């Protein structure tokens, strides 16, 4: 059973930094696009950024957040700097994964990790 596992959320003061990690558990044949999303209370889930061979970011996080991936570890990271109270949300990782034994890929979501930025 393949799952995406996130870690690294927490409470930080405005101006601080956090790094989130996302990696699949189970046997993976291939990983395609990976992305980070977030959902604040009372709001819809929104895209933070994605990574393939390049990265793309939402305007609200450009210059502050960086997405990277370690292909040897099948892990994606979201480095968040200069955090603001409006960045408070549950952050979700998603990835296009092909498990071993499967002939096709599917989109998987992590369980979410809370990021709280205090003013």
Protein backbone atom coordinates (compact mmCIF):
# COMPACT_ATOMS: atom_id res chain seq x y z
CA UNK A 1 0.00 0.00 0.00
CA UNK A 2 1.64 3.21 -1.17
CA UNK A 3 1.15 6.39 0.83
CA UNK A 4 2.66 9.85 0.85
CA UNK A 5 4.09 10.84 4.20
CA UNK A 6 4.70 14.46 5.15
CA UNK A 7 6.67 15.89 8.04
CA UNK A 8 8.08 19.16 9.30
CA UNK A 9 5.10 21.32 10.18
CA UNK A 10 4.84 23.29 13.39
CA UNK A 11 4.52 26.68 15.03
CA UNK A 12 6.86 29.50 14.08
CA UNK A 13 6.96 33.25 14.55
CA UNK A 14 6.51 35.61 11.63
CA UNK A 15 9.76 35.96 9.73
CA UNK A 16 10.86 32.45 10.66
CA UNK A 17 11.46 29.38 8.53
CA UNK A 18 10.24 25.81 8.27
CA UNK A 19 11.05 22.94 5.95
CA UNK A 20 8.47 20.34 5.01
CA UNK A 21 9.32 16.93 3.61
CA UNK A 22 7.26 14.52 1.54
CA UNK A 23 8.14 10.97 0.60
CA UNK A 24 6.23 7.88 -0.46
CA UNK A 25 6.13 4.76 1.67
CA UNK A 26 6.06 1.44 -0.15
CA UNK A 27 7.72 0.35 -3.38
CA UNK A 28 7.69 2.95 -6.12
CA UNK A 29 8.58 2.37 -9.75
CA UNK A 30 8.43 5.99 -10.84
CA UNK A 31 7.62 9.46 -9.52
CA UNK A 32 6.50 12.22 -11.79
CA UNK A 33 5.28 15.66 -10.89
CA UNK A 34 5.23 16.55 -7.19
CA UNK A 35 3.45 19.48 -5.70
CA UNK A 36 2.55 21.30 -2.51
CA UNK A 37 -0.88 22.70 -1.70
CA UNK A 38 -2.31 24.41 1.36
CA UNK A 39 -5.71 24.98 2.88
CA UNK A 40 -6.42 27.67 5.42
CA UNK A 41 -9.53 27.53 7.66
CA UNK A 42 -12.62 28.46 5.71
CA UNK A 43 -10.77 28.61 2.41
CA UNK A 44 -10.34 26.34 -0.56
CA UNK A 45 -7.20 24.33 -1.08
CA UNK A 46 -4.72 26.29 -3.19
CA UNK A 47 -1.60 25.42 -5.09
CA UNK A 48 1.68 26.50 -3.51
CA UNK A 49 4.02 25.14 -6.17
CA UNK A 50 5.08 22.17 -8.25
CA UNK A 51 8.29 20.52 -9.34
CA UNK A 52 9.13 18.43 -12.36
CA UNK A 53 12.36 19.31 -14.10
CA UNK A 54 11.45 22.90 -13.29
CA UNK A 55 9.55 24.61 -10.50
CA UNK A 56 6.50 26.84 -10.51
CA UNK A 57 5.13 28.85 -7.62
CA UNK A 58 2.04 30.74 -6.64
CA UNK A 59 2.60 34.49 -6.71
CA UNK A 60 1.96 34.70 -2.97
CA UNK A 61 5.02 32.60 -2.14
CA UNK A 62 7.48 33.53 -4.90
CA UNK A 63 10.81 34.60 -3.48
CA UNK A 64 10.04 33.10 -0.07
CA UNK A 65 9.33 29.41 -0.70
CA UNK A 66 11.54 26.91 -2.54
CA UNK A 67 10.58 23.43 -3.71
CA UNK A 68 13.29 20.87 -4.30
CA UNK A 69 13.53 17.12 -4.63
CA UNK A 70 16.08 14.44 -3.90
CA UNK A 71 15.45 11.77 -6.52
CA UNK A 72 17.70 9.26 -4.77
CA UNK A 73 15.46 9.50 -1.71
CA UNK A 74 12.20 10.00 -3.62
CA UNK A 75 11.66 13.01 -1.39
CA UNK A 76 10.34 16.48 -2.08
CA UNK A 77 10.95 19.46 0.17
CA UNK A 78 9.23 22.77 0.72
CA UNK A 79 11.58 25.33 2.26
CA UNK A 80 9.56 28.23 3.63
CA UNK A 81 11.36 31.41 4.60
CA UNK A 82 10.13 34.77 5.83
CA UNK A 83 6.86 33.18 6.91
CA UNK A 84 3.81 35.38 7.40
CA UNK A 85 0.67 34.82 9.48
CA UNK A 86 -1.29 34.45 6.23
CA UNK A 87 0.81 31.36 5.44
CA UNK A 88 -0.96 29.56 8.29
CA UNK A 89 -2.65 26.50 6.82
CA UNK A 90 -2.57 22.75 6.52
CA UNK A 91 0.00 21.91 3.88
CA UNK A 92 -0.48 18.91 1.61
CA UNK A 93 1.92 17.15 -0.66
CA UNK A 94 0.80 15.38 -3.79
CA UNK A 95 2.65 13.30 -6.31
CA UNK A 96 2.12 11.32 -9.48
CA UNK A 97 3.30 7.83 -8.51
CA UNK A 98 3.63 4.51 -10.30
CA UNK A 99 3.87 1.72 -7.72
CA UNK A 100 5.86 -1.40 -8.54
CA UNK A 101 3.59 -3.91 -10.22
CA UNK A 102 1.29 -1.22 -11.60
CA UNK A 103 1.05 -0.32 -15.27
CA UNK A 104 -0.15 3.20 -14.69
CA UNK A 105 0.39 6.20 -12.45
CA UNK A 106 -2.04 7.81 -10.05
CA UNK A 107 -2.16 10.98 -8.01
CA UNK A 108 -1.52 10.47 -4.32
CA UNK A 109 -2.03 12.93 -1.48
CA UNK A 110 -0.33 13.19 1.87
CA UNK A 111 -2.24 13.46 5.12
CA UNK A 112 -1.41 17.11 5.61
CA UNK A 113 0.77 18.89 8.13
CA UNK A 114 -0.18 22.00 10.10
CA UNK A 115 1.88 25.15 9.73
CA UNK A 116 1.03 27.98 12.12
CA UNK A 117 2.71 31.37 11.90
CA UNK A 118 2.23 33.70 14.84
CA UNK A 119 2.45 37.46 14.54
